[in-house]
């Protein structure tokens, strides 16, 4: 069954310090799904940059 040919990988996105979960196909090593998606990470990084322009200090 294809459902069992996957594994989870956990990573930390260093700029945002958030956990990324990837579902990876064991045969092809292809990322099937990423949580949060790459597009969402880019949006979060852009928002962080904009907030950095507005506020001098980050917590």
Protein backbone atom coordinates (compact mmCIF):
# COMPACT_ATOMS: atom_id res chain seq x y z
CA UNK A 1 0.00 0.00 0.00
CA UNK A 2 1.42 3.37 -1.01
CA UNK A 3 0.40 5.00 2.26
CA UNK A 4 3.12 3.09 4.11
CA UNK A 5 5.93 3.97 1.70
CA UNK A 6 6.50 7.31 3.39
CA UNK A 7 8.31 8.72 6.37
CA UNK A 8 8.29 12.00 8.27
CA UNK A 9 11.24 14.36 8.48
CA UNK A 10 11.36 17.22 10.97
CA UNK A 11 13.47 20.32 10.37
CA UNK A 12 13.81 23.77 11.89
CA UNK A 13 13.60 26.80 9.63
CA UNK A 14 16.45 28.88 11.05
CA UNK A 15 15.28 32.38 10.01
CA UNK A 16 11.83 31.97 11.58
CA UNK A 17 12.75 29.28 14.14
CA UNK A 18 9.67 27.25 13.12
CA UNK A 19 9.35 23.50 12.80
CA UNK A 20 8.89 22.11 9.28
CA UNK A 21 7.39 18.67 8.76
CA UNK A 22 8.02 16.87 5.48
CA UNK A 23 6.31 13.71 4.26
CA UNK A 24 8.83 11.91 2.04
CA UNK A 25 8.43 8.95 -0.31
CA UNK A 26 10.84 6.22 0.83
CA UNK A 27 11.51 4.95 -2.71
CA UNK A 28 12.06 8.19 -4.62
CA UNK A 29 13.07 10.43 -1.66
CA UNK A 30 10.63 12.99 -3.11
CA UNK A 31 8.90 15.41 -0.75
CA UNK A 32 5.21 14.61 -1.05
CA UNK A 33 3.99 17.31 1.31
CA UNK A 34 5.54 19.97 3.51
CA UNK A 35 3.88 21.65 6.46
CA UNK A 36 3.95 24.65 6.38
CA UNK A 37 4.32 24.83 2.59
CA UNK A 38 7.35 26.56 1.04
CA UNK A 39 5.17 29.45 -0.17
CA UNK A 40 3.92 30.06 3.37
CA UNK A 41 7.49 30.10 4.70
CA UNK A 42 8.42 32.74 2.12
CA UNK A 43 5.41 34.85 3.14
CA UNK A 44 6.35 34.54 6.83
CA UNK A 45 9.96 35.58 6.06
CA UNK A 46 8.72 38.61 4.10
CA UNK A 47 6.39 39.63 6.92
CA UNK A 48 9.24 39.30 9.43
CA UNK A 49 11.40 41.55 7.24
CA UNK A 50 8.64 44.15 6.96
CA UNK A 51 8.11 44.09 10.71
CA UNK A 52 11.84 44.55 11.17
CA UNK A 53 11.65 47.72 9.09
CA UNK A 54 8.82 49.08 11.23
CA UNK A 55 10.20 48.08 14.62
CA UNK A 56 13.84 48.37 15.64
CA UNK A 57 13.75 45.63 18.28
CA UNK A 58 12.64 42.03 17.91
CA UNK A 59 11.63 39.93 20.86
